[in-house]
Amino acid sequence: IAEPIEKKKKKSLDALRMRRDFCNGGLACAVVWVSSTCWLLLSLSSPVTA
């Protein structure tokens, strides 16, 4: 009787873990995207000496 409840609990835990991983991945992507955009703007705005 307790087995389906455990299975359901595990399923919801897996979903939570997946959502957390997705959020972490999205945050990392956002940081990379923002930093690369800032770097691009800086390199474009600075005089071309480098």
PDB file of N, CA and C in Angstrom:
ATOM      1  N   ILE A   1       0.842  -1.206   0.000  1.00  0.00           N
ATOM      2  CA  ILE A   1       0.000   0.000   0.000  1.00  0.00           C
ATOM      3  C   ILE A   1       0.878   1.258   0.000  1.00  0.00           C
ATOM      4  N   ALA A   2       1.997   1.210   0.731  1.00  0.00           N
ATOM      5  CA  ALA A   2       2.859   2.383   0.854  1.00  0.00           C
ATOM      6  C   ALA A   2       3.746   2.590  -0.377  1.00  0.00           C
ATOM      7  N   GLU A   3       3.839   1.574  -1.232  1.00  0.00           N
ATOM      8  CA  GLU A   3       4.768   1.641  -2.370  1.00  0.00           C
ATOM      9  C   GLU A   3       4.409   2.733  -3.387  1.00  0.00           C
ATOM     10  N   PRO A   4       3.140   2.829  -3.822  1.00  0.00           N
ATOM     11  CA  PRO A   4       2.799   3.898  -4.786  1.00  0.00           C
ATOM     12  C   PRO A   4       3.061   5.297  -4.235  1.00  0.00           C
ATOM     13  N   ILE A   5       2.845   5.496  -2.931  1.00  0.00           N
ATOM     14  CA  ILE A   5       3.086   6.805  -2.318  1.00  0.00           C
ATOM     15  C   ILE A   5       4.569   7.149  -2.390  1.00  0.00           C
ATOM     16  N   GLU A   6       5.416   6.172  -2.092  1.00  0.00           N
ATOM     17  CA  GLU A   6       6.863   6.382  -2.176  1.00  0.00           C
ATOM     18  C   GLU A   6       7.277   6.722  -3.605  1.00  0.00           C
ATOM     19  N   LYS A   7       6.690   6.001  -4.555  1.00  0.00           N
ATOM     20  CA  LYS A   7       7.018   6.227  -5.965  1.00  0.00           C
ATOM     21  C   LYS A   7       6.609   7.639  -6.380  1.00  0.00           C
ATOM     22  N   LYS A   8       5.437   8.063  -5.915  1.00  0.00           N
ATOM     23  CA  LYS A   8       4.950   9.405  -6.235  1.00  0.00           C
ATOM     24  C   LYS A   8       5.851  10.467  -5.607  1.00  0.00           C
ATOM     25  N   LYS A   9       6.292  10.203  -4.365  1.00  0.00           N
ATOM     26  CA  LYS A   9       7.180  11.133  -3.662  1.00  0.00           C
ATOM     27  C   LYS A   9       8.499  11.278  -4.412  1.00  0.00           C
ATOM     28  N   LYS A  10       9.030  10.142  -4.879  1.00  0.00           N
ATOM     29  CA  LYS A  10      10.295  10.155  -5.612  1.00  0.00           C
ATOM     30  C   LYS A  10      10.142  10.924  -6.918  1.00  0.00           C
ATOM     31  N   LYS A  11       8.997  10.745  -7.564  1.00  0.00           N
ATOM     32  CA  LYS A  11       8.749  11.430  -8.835  1.00  0.00           C
ATOM     33  C   LYS A  11       8.736  12.946  -8.640  1.00  0.00           C
ATOM     34  N   SER A  12       8.077  13.401  -7.582  1.00  0.00           N
ATOM     35  CA  SER A  12       8.012  14.840  -7.323  1.00  0.00           C
ATOM     36  C   SER A  12       9.383  15.387  -6.933  1.00  0.00           C
ATOM     37  N   LEU A  13      10.171  14.587  -6.199  1.00  0.00           N
ATOM     38  CA  LEU A  13      11.531  14.998  -5.839  1.00  0.00           C
ATOM     39  C   LEU A  13      12.394  15.131  -7.084  1.00  0.00           C
ATOM     40  N   ASP A  14      12.255  14.189  -8.015  1.00  0.00           N
ATOM     41  CA  ASP A  14      13.010  14.249  -9.267  1.00  0.00           C
ATOM     42  C   ASP A  14      12.630  15.498 -10.056  1.00  0.00           C
ATOM     43  N   ALA A  15      11.340  15.815 -10.070  1.00  0.00           N
ATOM     44  CA  ALA A  15      10.870  17.000 -10.791  1.00  0.00           C
ATOM     45  C   ALA A  15      11.454  18.268 -10.169  1.00  0.00           C
ATOM     46  N   LEU A  16      11.490  18.311  -8.833  1.00  0.00           N
ATOM     47  CA  LEU A  16      12.065  19.467  -8.137  1.00  0.00           C
ATOM     48  C   LEU A  16      13.539  19.608  -8.454  1.00  0.00           C
ATOM     49  N   ARG A  17      14.240  18.474  -8.449  1.00  0.00           N
ATOM     50  CA  ARG A  17      15.676  18.501  -8.723  1.00  0.00           C
ATOM     51  C   ARG A  17      15.923  18.966 -10.153  1.00  0.00           C
ATOM     52  N   MET A  18      15.118  18.481 -11.081  1.00  0.00           N
ATOM     53  CA  MET A  18      15.267  18.872 -12.487  1.00  0.00           C
ATOM     54  C   MET A  18      15.019  20.373 -12.643  1.00  0.00           C
ATOM     55  N   ARG A  19      13.991  20.871 -11.965  1.00  0.00           N
ATOM     56  CA  ARG A  19      13.662  22.295 -12.055  1.00  0.00           C
ATOM     57  C   ARG A  19      14.796  23.137 -11.485  1.00  0.00           C
ATOM     58  N   ARG A  20      15.398  22.668 -10.378  1.00  0.00           N
ATOM     59  CA  ARG A  20      16.502  23.403  -9.765  1.00  0.00           C
ATOM     60  C   ARG A  20      17.711  23.423 -10.702  1.00  0.00           C
ATOM     61  N   ASP A  21      18.007  22.281 -11.327  1.00  0.00           N
ATOM     62  CA  ASP A  21      19.122  22.221 -12.274  1.00  0.00           C
ATOM     63  C   ASP A  21      18.870  23.151 -13.446  1.00  0.00           C
ATOM     64  N   PHE A  22      17.617  23.192 -13.917  1.00  0.00           N
ATOM     65  CA  PHE A  22      17.263  24.049 -15.038  1.00  0.00           C
ATOM     66  C   PHE A  22      17.447  25.519 -14.669  1.00  0.00           C
ATOM     67  N   CYS A  23      17.038  25.880 -13.458  1.00  0.00           N
ATOM     68  CA  CYS A  23      17.197  27.262 -12.987  1.00  0.00           C
ATOM     69  C   CYS A  23      18.671  27.628 -12.894  1.00  0.00           C
ATOM     70  N   ASN A  24      19.478  26.715 -12.354  1.00  0.00           N
ATOM     71  CA  ASN A  24      20.914  26.966 -12.243  1.00  0.00           C
ATOM     72  C   ASN A  24      21.532  27.138 -13.624  1.00  0.00           C
ATOM     73  N   GLY A  25      21.145  26.287 -14.576  1.00  0.00           N
ATOM     74  CA  GLY A  25      21.654  26.381 -15.935  1.00  0.00           C
ATOM     75  C   GLY A  25      21.248  27.693 -16.589  1.00  0.00           C
ATOM     76  N   GLY A  26      20.000  28.098 -16.369  1.00  0.00           N
ATOM     77  CA  GLY A  26      19.515  29.349 -16.924  1.00  0.00           C
ATOM     78  C   GLY A  26      20.263  30.543 -16.357  1.00  0.00           C
ATOM     79  N   LEU A  27      20.542  30.489 -15.059  1.00  0.00           N
ATOM     80  CA  LEU A  27      21.290  31.568 -14.408  1.00  0.00           C
ATOM     81  C   LEU A  27      22.697  31.662 -14.977  1.00  0.00           C
ATOM     82  N   ALA A  28      23.341  30.518 -15.151  1.00  0.00           N
ATOM     83  CA  ALA A  28      24.694  30.492 -15.717  1.00  0.00           C
ATOM     84  C   ALA A  28      24.686  31.056 -17.135  1.00  0.00           C
ATOM     85  N   CYS A  29      23.695  30.657 -17.928  1.00  0.00           N
ATOM     86  CA  CYS A  29      23.581  31.157 -19.304  1.00  0.00           C
ATOM     87  C   CYS A  29      23.387  32.671 -19.308  1.00  0.00           C
ATOM     88  N   ALA A  30      22.547  33.164 -18.408  1.00  0.00           N
ATOM     89  CA  ALA A  30      22.289  34.603 -18.332  1.00  0.00           C
ATOM     90  C   ALA A  30      23.562  35.365 -17.974  1.00  0.00           C
ATOM     91  N   VAL A  31      24.318  34.840 -17.004  1.00  0.00           N
ATOM     92  CA  VAL A  31      25.561  35.494 -16.590  1.00  0.00           C
ATOM     93  C   VAL A  31      26.548  35.547 -17.746  1.00  0.00           C
ATOM     94  N   VAL A  32      26.705  34.425 -18.444  1.00  0.00           N
ATOM     95  CA  VAL A  32      27.624  34.360 -19.584  1.00  0.00           C
ATOM     96  C   VAL A  32      27.183  35.324 -20.678  1.00  0.00           C
ATOM     97  N   TRP A  33      25.870  35.339 -20.960  1.00  0.00           N
ATOM     98  CA  TRP A  33      25.341  36.189 -22.028  1.00  0.00           C
ATOM     99  C   TRP A  33      25.549  37.666 -21.703  1.00  0.00           C
ATOM    100  N   VAL A  34      25.248  38.052 -20.460  1.00  0.00           N
ATOM    101  CA  VAL A  34      25.398  39.451 -20.043  1.00  0.00           C
ATOM    102  C   VAL A  34      26.860  39.877 -20.069  1.00  0.00           C
ATOM    103  N   SER A  35      27.744  39.018 -19.562  1.00  0.00           N
ATOM    104  CA  SER A  35      29.167  39.377 -19.520  1.00  0.00           C
ATOM    105  C   SER A  35      29.743  39.482 -20.927  1.00  0.00           C
ATOM    106  N   SER A  36      29.328  38.576 -21.811  1.00  0.00           N
ATOM    107  CA  SER A  36      29.836  38.634 -23.186  1.00  0.00           C
ATOM    108  C   SER A  36      29.308  39.874 -23.901  1.00  0.00           C
ATOM    109  N   THR A  37      28.064  40.245 -23.615  1.00  0.00           N
ATOM    110  CA  THR A  37      27.493  41.452 -24.208  1.00  0.00           C
ATOM    111  C   THR A  37      28.234  42.697 -23.721  1.00  0.00           C
ATOM    112  N   CYS A  38      28.518  42.742 -22.419  1.00  0.00           N
ATOM    113  CA  CYS A  38      29.269  43.873 -21.858  1.00  0.00           C
ATOM    114  C   CYS A  38      30.660  43.951 -22.472  1.00  0.00           C
ATOM    115  N   TRP A  39      31.309  42.803 -22.616  1.00  0.00           N
ATOM    116  CA  TRP A  39      32.650  42.759 -23.201  1.00  0.00           C
ATOM    117  C   TRP A  39      32.617  43.259 -24.643  1.00  0.00           C
ATOM    118  N   LEU A  40      31.585  42.844 -25.379  1.00  0.00           N
ATOM    119  CA  LEU A  40      31.441  43.260 -26.774  1.00  0.00           C
ATOM    120  C   LEU A  40      31.235  44.772 -26.864  1.00  0.00           C
ATOM    121  N   LEU A  41      30.369  45.311 -26.004  1.00  0.00           N
ATOM    122  CA  LEU A  41      30.125  46.756 -25.990  1.00  0.00           C
ATOM    123  C   LEU A  41      31.388  47.525 -25.631  1.00  0.00           C
ATOM    124  N   LEU A  42      32.137  47.027 -24.658  1.00  0.00           N
ATOM    125  CA  LEU A  42      33.385  47.681 -24.256  1.00  0.00           C
ATOM    126  C   LEU A  42      34.394  47.674 -25.396  1.00  0.00           C
ATOM    127  N   SER A  43      34.520  46.542 -26.063  1.00  0.00           N
ATOM    128  CA  SER A  43      35.498  46.437 -27.145  1.00  0.00           C
ATOM    129  C   SER A  43      35.089  47.301 -28.339  1.00  0.00           C
ATOM    130  N   LEU A  44      33.786  47.486 -28.540  1.00  0.00           N
ATOM    131  CA  LEU A  44      33.315  48.324 -29.639  1.00  0.00           C
ATOM    132  C   LEU A  44      33.478  49.808 -29.313  1.00  0.00           C
ATOM    133  N   SER A  45      33.225  50.176 -28.049  1.00  0.00           N
ATOM    134  CA  SER A  45      33.265  51.593 -27.675  1.00  0.00           C
ATOM    135  C   SER A  45      34.692  52.104 -27.498  1.00  0.00           C
ATOM    136  N   SER A  46      35.610  51.220 -27.120  1.00  0.00           N
ATOM    137  CA  SER A  46      36.999  51.650 -26.937  1.00  0.00           C
ATOM    138  C   SER A  46      37.664  51.874 -28.293  1.00  0.00           C
ATOM    139  N   PRO A  47      38.618  52.795 -28.379  1.00  0.00           N
ATOM    140  CA  PRO A  47      39.342  53.026 -29.632  1.00  0.00           C
ATOM    141  C   PRO A  47      40.105  51.775 -30.050  1.00  0.00           C
ATOM    142  N   VAL A  48      40.149  51.528 -31.343  1.00  0.00           N
ATOM    143  CA  VAL A  48      40.749  50.292 -31.837  1.00  0.00           C
ATOM    144  C   VAL A  48      42.274  50.407 -31.804  1.00  0.00           C
ATOM    145  N   THR A  49      42.851  50.067 -30.638  1.00  0.00           N
ATOM    146  CA  THR A  49      44.308  50.090 -30.503  1.00  0.00           C
ATOM    147  C   THR A  49      44.840  48.690 -30.223  1.00  0.00           C
ATOM    148  N   ALA A  50      44.025  47.859 -29.546  1.00  0.00           N
ATOM    149  CA  ALA A  50      44.457  46.507 -29.198  1.00  0.00           C
ATOM    150  C   ALA A  50      44.500  45.627 -30.448  1.00  0.00           C
TER     151      ALA A  50
END
